[in-house]
Amino acid sequence: MLGGKTVKVTIDRDLYDRVRKIADVAGYATTEEFVTHVLEKEMLHFEDAGSDEDIRQRLKGLGYIS
């Protein structure tokens, strides 16, 4: 993590189990480390957006929203 405070996020147990398995296979020390890495990587798509509308368009382009 980036050294900040942490918060808890609730996700479905089945999804957590899938993420945990992938994190183990990929060699991450913890599931949290893997999730943090994935989220940081995905956030790069949006951090240089100039406006909320730019973010919406990028989310649409990536298939996250319709």
PDB file of N, CA and C in Angstrom:
ATOM      1  N   MET A   1       0.833  -1.181   0.000  1.00  0.00           N
ATOM      2  CA  MET A   1       0.000   0.000   0.000  1.00  0.00           C
ATOM      3  C   MET A   1       0.873   1.239   0.000  1.00  0.00           C
ATOM      4  N   LEU A   2       0.262   2.348  -0.194  1.00  0.00           N
ATOM      5  CA  LEU A   2       1.011   3.575  -0.329  1.00  0.00           C
ATOM      6  C   LEU A   2       1.280   4.267   0.997  1.00  0.00           C
ATOM      7  N   GLY A   3       1.128   3.588   2.101  1.00  0.00           N
ATOM      8  CA  GLY A   3       1.466   4.159   3.386  1.00  0.00           C
ATOM      9  C   GLY A   3       0.356   4.947   4.052  1.00  0.00           C
ATOM     10  N   GLY A   4      -0.807   4.969   3.466  1.00  0.00           N
ATOM     11  CA  GLY A   4      -1.917   5.700   4.055  1.00  0.00           C
ATOM     12  C   GLY A   4      -2.726   4.824   4.992  1.00  0.00           C
ATOM     13  N   LYS A   5      -3.750   5.413   5.551  1.00  0.00           N
ATOM     14  CA  LYS A   5      -4.666   4.637   6.385  1.00  0.00           C
ATOM     15  C   LYS A   5      -5.455   3.693   5.497  1.00  0.00           C
ATOM     16  N   THR A   6      -5.953   2.637   6.068  1.00  0.00           N
ATOM     17  CA  THR A   6      -6.725   1.677   5.298  1.00  0.00           C
ATOM     18  C   THR A   6      -8.199   1.760   5.658  1.00  0.00           C
ATOM     19  N   VAL A   7      -9.021   1.281   4.739  1.00  0.00           N
ATOM     20  CA  VAL A   7     -10.459   1.152   4.957  1.00  0.00           C
ATOM     21  C   VAL A   7     -10.863  -0.249   4.535  1.00  0.00           C
ATOM     22  N   LYS A   8     -12.007  -0.678   5.002  1.00  0.00           N
ATOM     23  CA  LYS A   8     -12.521  -1.988   4.623  1.00  0.00           C
ATOM     24  C   LYS A   8     -13.521  -1.843   3.492  1.00  0.00           C
ATOM     25  N   VAL A   9     -13.491  -2.804   2.583  1.00  0.00           N
ATOM     26  CA  VAL A   9     -14.431  -2.866   1.483  1.00  0.00           C
ATOM     27  C   VAL A   9     -15.091  -4.232   1.535  1.00  0.00           C
ATOM     28  N   THR A  10     -16.385  -4.271   1.384  1.00  0.00           N
ATOM     29  CA  THR A  10     -17.114  -5.529   1.423  1.00  0.00           C
ATOM     30  C   THR A  10     -17.359  -6.019   0.005  1.00  0.00           C
ATOM     31  N   ILE A  11     -16.991  -7.282  -0.239  1.00  0.00           N
ATOM     32  CA  ILE A  11     -17.270  -7.907  -1.534  1.00  0.00           C
ATOM     33  C   ILE A  11     -17.875  -9.279  -1.279  1.00  0.00           C
ATOM     34  N   ASP A  12     -18.503  -9.798  -2.299  1.00  0.00           N
ATOM     35  CA  ASP A  12     -19.130 -11.109  -2.234  1.00  0.00           C
ATOM     36  C   ASP A  12     -18.082 -12.178  -1.903  1.00  0.00           C
ATOM     37  N   ARG A  13     -18.422 -13.144  -1.074  1.00  0.00           N
ATOM     38  CA  ARG A  13     -17.506 -14.191  -0.642  1.00  0.00           C
ATOM     39  C   ARG A  13     -16.958 -14.989  -1.830  1.00  0.00           C
ATOM     40  N   ASP A  14     -17.808 -15.307  -2.793  1.00  0.00           N
ATOM     41  CA  ASP A  14     -17.336 -16.061  -3.956  1.00  0.00           C
ATOM     42  C   ASP A  14     -16.270 -15.285  -4.733  1.00  0.00           C
ATOM     43  N   LEU A  15     -16.483 -13.988  -4.898  1.00  0.00           N
ATOM     44  CA  LEU A  15     -15.490 -13.162  -5.575  1.00  0.00           C
ATOM     45  C   LEU A  15     -14.197 -13.120  -4.772  1.00  0.00           C
ATOM     46  N   TYR A  16     -14.305 -12.962  -3.467  1.00  0.00           N
ATOM     47  CA  TYR A  16     -13.108 -12.941  -2.618  1.00  0.00           C
ATOM     48  C   TYR A  16     -12.323 -14.243  -2.757  1.00  0.00           C
ATOM     49  N   ASP A  17     -13.014 -15.364  -2.760  1.00  0.00           N
ATOM     50  CA  ASP A  17     -12.334 -16.654  -2.897  1.00  0.00           C
ATOM     51  C   ASP A  17     -11.597 -16.761  -4.227  1.00  0.00           C
ATOM     52  N   ARG A  18     -12.205 -16.258  -5.295  1.00  0.00           N
ATOM     53  CA  ARG A  18     -11.553 -16.256  -6.613  1.00  0.00           C
ATOM     54  C   ARG A  18     -10.323 -15.357  -6.612  1.00  0.00           C
ATOM     55  N   VAL A  19     -10.461 -14.180  -6.017  1.00  0.00           N
ATOM     56  CA  VAL A  19      -9.339 -13.244  -5.938  1.00  0.00           C
ATOM     57  C   VAL A  19      -8.216 -13.842  -5.095  1.00  0.00           C
ATOM     58  N   ARG A  20      -8.559 -14.447  -3.986  1.00  0.00           N
ATOM     59  CA  ARG A  20      -7.551 -15.053  -3.110  1.00  0.00           C
ATOM     60  C   ARG A  20      -6.765 -16.129  -3.847  1.00  0.00           C
ATOM     61  N   LYS A  21      -7.454 -16.958  -4.620  1.00  0.00           N
ATOM     62  CA  LYS A  21      -6.787 -18.014  -5.375  1.00  0.00           C
ATOM     63  C   LYS A  21      -5.804 -17.423  -6.384  1.00  0.00           C
ATOM     64  N   ILE A  22      -6.234 -16.405  -7.115  1.00  0.00           N
ATOM     65  CA  ILE A  22      -5.365 -15.783  -8.109  1.00  0.00           C
ATOM     66  C   ILE A  22      -4.172 -15.109  -7.430  1.00  0.00           C
ATOM     67  N   ALA A  23      -4.417 -14.439  -6.315  1.00  0.00           N
ATOM     68  CA  ALA A  23      -3.324 -13.786  -5.587  1.00  0.00           C
ATOM     69  C   ALA A  23      -2.288 -14.804  -5.129  1.00  0.00           C
ATOM     70  N   ASP A  24      -2.750 -15.954  -4.650  1.00  0.00           N
ATOM     71  CA  ASP A  24      -1.832 -17.016  -4.219  1.00  0.00           C
ATOM     72  C   ASP A  24      -1.003 -17.536  -5.390  1.00  0.00           C
ATOM     73  N   VAL A  25      -1.662 -17.835  -6.494  1.00  0.00           N
ATOM     74  CA  VAL A  25      -0.969 -18.370  -7.669  1.00  0.00           C
ATOM     75  C   VAL A  25       0.030 -17.345  -8.213  1.00  0.00           C
ATOM     76  N   ALA A  26      -0.334 -16.078  -8.177  1.00  0.00           N
ATOM     77  CA  ALA A  26       0.523 -15.029  -8.715  1.00  0.00           C
ATOM     78  C   ALA A  26       1.688 -14.683  -7.785  1.00  0.00           C
ATOM     79  N   GLY A  27       1.662 -15.210  -6.565  1.00  0.00           N
ATOM     80  CA  GLY A  27       2.771 -14.997  -5.644  1.00  0.00           C
ATOM     81  C   GLY A  27       2.680 -13.761  -4.768  1.00  0.00           C
ATOM     82  N   TYR A  28       1.498 -13.173  -4.659  1.00  0.00           N
ATOM     83  CA  TYR A  28       1.345 -12.020  -3.776  1.00  0.00           C
ATOM     84  C   TYR A  28       1.377 -12.488  -2.328  1.00  0.00           C
ATOM     85  N   ALA A  29       1.914 -11.654  -1.445  1.00  0.00           N
ATOM     86  CA  ALA A  29       2.022 -12.003  -0.034  1.00  0.00           C
ATOM     87  C   ALA A  29       0.640 -12.096   0.619  1.00  0.00           C
ATOM     88  N   THR A  30      -0.266 -11.231   0.177  1.00  0.00           N
ATOM     89  CA  THR A  30      -1.622 -11.229   0.728  1.00  0.00           C
ATOM     90  C   THR A  30      -2.627 -10.937  -0.378  1.00  0.00           C
ATOM     91  N   THR A  31      -3.857 -11.277  -0.121  1.00  0.00           N
ATOM     92  CA  THR A  31      -4.931 -10.940  -1.048  1.00  0.00           C
ATOM     93  C   THR A  31      -5.065  -9.429  -1.142  1.00  0.00           C
ATOM     94  N   GLU A  32      -4.919  -8.736  -0.020  1.00  0.00           N
ATOM     95  CA  GLU A  32      -5.022  -7.282   0.001  1.00  0.00           C
ATOM     96  C   GLU A  32      -3.962  -6.642  -0.892  1.00  0.00           C
ATOM     97  N   GLU A  33      -2.754  -7.201  -0.885  1.00  0.00           N
ATOM     98  CA  GLU A  33      -1.692  -6.674  -1.736  1.00  0.00           C
ATOM     99  C   GLU A  33      -2.071  -6.801  -3.214  1.00  0.00           C
ATOM    100  N   PHE A  34      -2.639  -7.931  -3.594  1.00  0.00           N
ATOM    101  CA  PHE A  34      -3.072  -8.147  -4.970  1.00  0.00           C
ATOM    102  C   PHE A  34      -4.185  -7.175  -5.349  1.00  0.00           C
ATOM    103  N   VAL A  35      -5.184  -7.040  -4.503  1.00  0.00           N
ATOM    104  CA  VAL A  35      -6.307  -6.143  -4.791  1.00  0.00           C
ATOM    105  C   VAL A  35      -5.809  -4.703  -4.924  1.00  0.00           C
ATOM    106  N   THR A  36      -4.914  -4.285  -4.047  1.00  0.00           N
ATOM    107  CA  THR A  36      -4.349  -2.942  -4.122  1.00  0.00           C
ATOM    108  C   THR A  36      -3.628  -2.739  -5.449  1.00  0.00           C
ATOM    109  N   HIS A  37      -2.841  -3.718  -5.860  1.00  0.00           N
ATOM    110  CA  HIS A  37      -2.118  -3.623  -7.126  1.00  0.00           C
ATOM    111  C   HIS A  37      -3.079  -3.494  -8.307  1.00  0.00           C
ATOM    112  N   VAL A  38      -4.106  -4.326  -8.332  1.00  0.00           N
ATOM    113  CA  VAL A  38      -5.074  -4.291  -9.432  1.00  0.00           C
ATOM    114  C   VAL A  38      -5.799  -2.941  -9.470  1.00  0.00           C
ATOM    115  N   LEU A  39      -6.224  -2.449  -8.312  1.00  0.00           N
ATOM    116  CA  LEU A  39      -6.925  -1.166  -8.276  1.00  0.00           C
ATOM    117  C   LEU A  39      -6.022  -0.015  -8.698  1.00  0.00           C
ATOM    118  N   GLU A  40      -4.772  -0.014  -8.224  1.00  0.00           N
ATOM    119  CA  GLU A  40      -3.846   1.044  -8.623  1.00  0.00           C
ATOM    120  C   GLU A  40      -3.620   1.031 -10.130  1.00  0.00           C
ATOM    121  N   LYS A  41      -3.483  -0.155 -10.694  1.00  0.00           N
ATOM    122  CA  LYS A  41      -3.269  -0.286 -12.136  1.00  0.00           C
ATOM    123  C   LYS A  41      -4.484   0.240 -12.914  1.00  0.00           C
ATOM    124  N   GLU A  42      -5.673  -0.105 -12.482  1.00  0.00           N
ATOM    125  CA  GLU A  42      -6.891   0.347 -13.160  1.00  0.00           C
ATOM    126  C   GLU A  42      -7.101   1.848 -13.007  1.00  0.00           C
ATOM    127  N   MET A  43      -6.728   2.410 -11.872  1.00  0.00           N
ATOM    128  CA  MET A  43      -6.909   3.841 -11.643  1.00  0.00           C
ATOM    129  C   MET A  43      -6.086   4.679 -12.601  1.00  0.00           C
ATOM    130  N   LEU A  44      -4.996   4.134 -13.131  1.00  0.00           N
ATOM    131  CA  LEU A  44      -4.169   4.871 -14.087  1.00  0.00           C
ATOM    132  C   LEU A  44      -4.959   5.278 -15.329  1.00  0.00           C
ATOM    133  N   HIS A  45      -6.017   4.533 -15.643  1.00  0.00           N
ATOM    134  CA  HIS A  45      -6.853   4.867 -16.794  1.00  0.00           C
ATOM    135  C   HIS A  45      -7.609   6.179 -16.605  1.00  0.00           C
ATOM    136  N   PHE A  46      -7.770   6.614 -15.363  1.00  0.00           N
ATOM    137  CA  PHE A  46      -8.657   7.736 -15.074  1.00  0.00           C
ATOM    138  C   PHE A  46      -7.977   8.945 -14.454  1.00  0.00           C
ATOM    139  N   GLU A  47      -6.792   8.775 -13.911  1.00  0.00           N
ATOM    140  CA  GLU A  47      -6.180   9.851 -13.138  1.00  0.00           C
ATOM    141  C   GLU A  47      -5.814  11.082 -13.964  1.00  0.00           C
ATOM    142  N   ASP A  48      -5.617  10.950 -15.254  1.00  0.00           N
ATOM    143  CA  ASP A  48      -5.287  12.119 -16.067  1.00  0.00           C
ATOM    144  C   ASP A  48      -6.497  12.688 -16.801  1.00  0.00           C
ATOM    145  N   ALA A  49      -7.673  12.225 -16.433  1.00  0.00           N
ATOM    146  CA  ALA A  49      -8.903  12.734 -17.057  1.00  0.00           C
ATOM    147  C   ALA A  49      -9.102  14.187 -16.654  1.00  0.00           C
ATOM    148  N   GLY A  50      -9.567  14.985 -17.610  1.00  0.00           N
ATOM    149  CA  GLY A  50      -9.738  16.409 -17.359  1.00  0.00           C
ATOM    150  C   GLY A  50     -11.041  16.779 -16.682  1.00  0.00           C
ATOM    151  N   SER A  51     -12.045  15.910 -16.779  1.00  0.00           N
ATOM    152  CA  SER A  51     -13.347  16.245 -16.212  1.00  0.00           C
ATOM    153  C   SER A  51     -14.111  14.966 -15.865  1.00  0.00           C
ATOM    154  N   ASP A  52     -15.220  15.143 -15.176  1.00  0.00           N
ATOM    155  CA  ASP A  52     -16.083  14.001 -14.865  1.00  0.00           C
ATOM    156  C   ASP A  52     -16.578  13.347 -16.146  1.00  0.00           C
ATOM    157  N   GLU A  53     -16.862  14.151 -17.163  1.00  0.00           N
ATOM    158  CA  GLU A  53     -17.340  13.596 -18.427  1.00  0.00           C
ATOM    159  C   GLU A  53     -16.253  12.745 -19.088  1.00  0.00           C
ATOM    160  N   ASP A  54     -15.000  13.166 -18.998  1.00  0.00           N
ATOM    161  CA  ASP A  54     -13.891  12.354 -19.513  1.00  0.00           C
ATOM    162  C   ASP A  54     -13.838  11.002 -18.808  1.00  0.00           C
ATOM    163  N   ILE A  55     -14.034  11.033 -17.498  1.00  0.00           N
ATOM    164  CA  ILE A  55     -14.029   9.784 -16.725  1.00  0.00           C
ATOM    165  C   ILE A  55     -15.170   8.885 -17.182  1.00  0.00           C
ATOM    166  N   ARG A  56     -16.379   9.460 -17.343  1.00  0.00           N
ATOM    167  CA  ARG A  56     -17.527   8.676 -17.805  1.00  0.00           C
ATOM    168  C   ARG A  56     -17.247   8.032 -19.161  1.00  0.00           C
ATOM    169  N   GLN A  57     -16.667   8.804 -20.076  1.00  0.00           N
ATOM    170  CA  GLN A  57     -16.375   8.275 -21.413  1.00  0.00           C
ATOM    171  C   GLN A  57     -15.346   7.143 -21.350  1.00  0.00           C
ATOM    172  N   ARG A  58     -14.361   7.282 -20.487  1.00  0.00           N
ATOM    173  CA  ARG A  58     -13.354   6.227 -20.352  1.00  0.00           C
ATOM    174  C   ARG A  58     -13.974   4.975 -19.717  1.00  0.00           C
ATOM    175  N   LEU A  59     -14.850   5.164 -18.738  1.00  0.00           N
ATOM    176  CA  LEU A  59     -15.539   4.021 -18.129  1.00  0.00           C
ATOM    177  C   LEU A  59     -16.398   3.301 -19.165  1.00  0.00           C
ATOM    178  N   LYS A  60     -17.073   4.061 -20.000  1.00  0.00           N
ATOM    179  CA  LYS A  60     -17.871   3.463 -21.068  1.00  0.00           C
ATOM    180  C   LYS A  60     -16.987   2.710 -22.051  1.00  0.00           C
ATOM    181  N   GLY A  61     -15.881   3.326 -22.437  1.00  0.00           N
ATOM    182  CA  GLY A  61     -14.958   2.698 -23.373  1.00  0.00           C
ATOM    183  C   GLY A  61     -14.379   1.400 -22.862  1.00  0.00           C
ATOM    184  N   LEU A  62     -14.189   1.308 -21.548  1.00  0.00           N
ATOM    185  CA  LEU A  62     -13.651   0.100 -20.929  1.00  0.00           C
ATOM    186  C   LEU A  62     -14.749  -0.919 -20.593  1.00  0.00           C
ATOM    187  N   GLY A  63     -16.012  -0.529 -20.814  1.00  0.00           N
ATOM    188  CA  GLY A  63     -17.118  -1.448 -20.555  1.00  0.00           C
ATOM    189  C   GLY A  63     -17.580  -1.501 -19.113  1.00  0.00           C
ATOM    190  N   TYR A  64     -17.132  -0.544 -18.275  1.00  0.00           N
ATOM    191  CA  TYR A  64     -17.536  -0.546 -16.878  1.00  0.00           C
ATOM    192  C   TYR A  64     -18.943  -0.006 -16.674  1.00  0.00           C
ATOM    193  N   ILE A  65     -19.346   0.936 -17.548  1.00  0.00           N
ATOM    194  CA  ILE A  65     -20.711   1.458 -17.497  1.00  0.00           C
ATOM    195  C   ILE A  65     -21.249   1.536 -18.916  1.00  0.00           C
ATOM    196  N   SER A  66     -22.579   1.659 -19.019  1.00  0.00           N
ATOM    197  CA  SER A  66     -23.173   1.747 -20.372  1.00  0.00           C
ATOM    198  C   SER A  66     -23.872   3.065 -20.562  1.00  0.00           C
TER     199      SER A  66
END
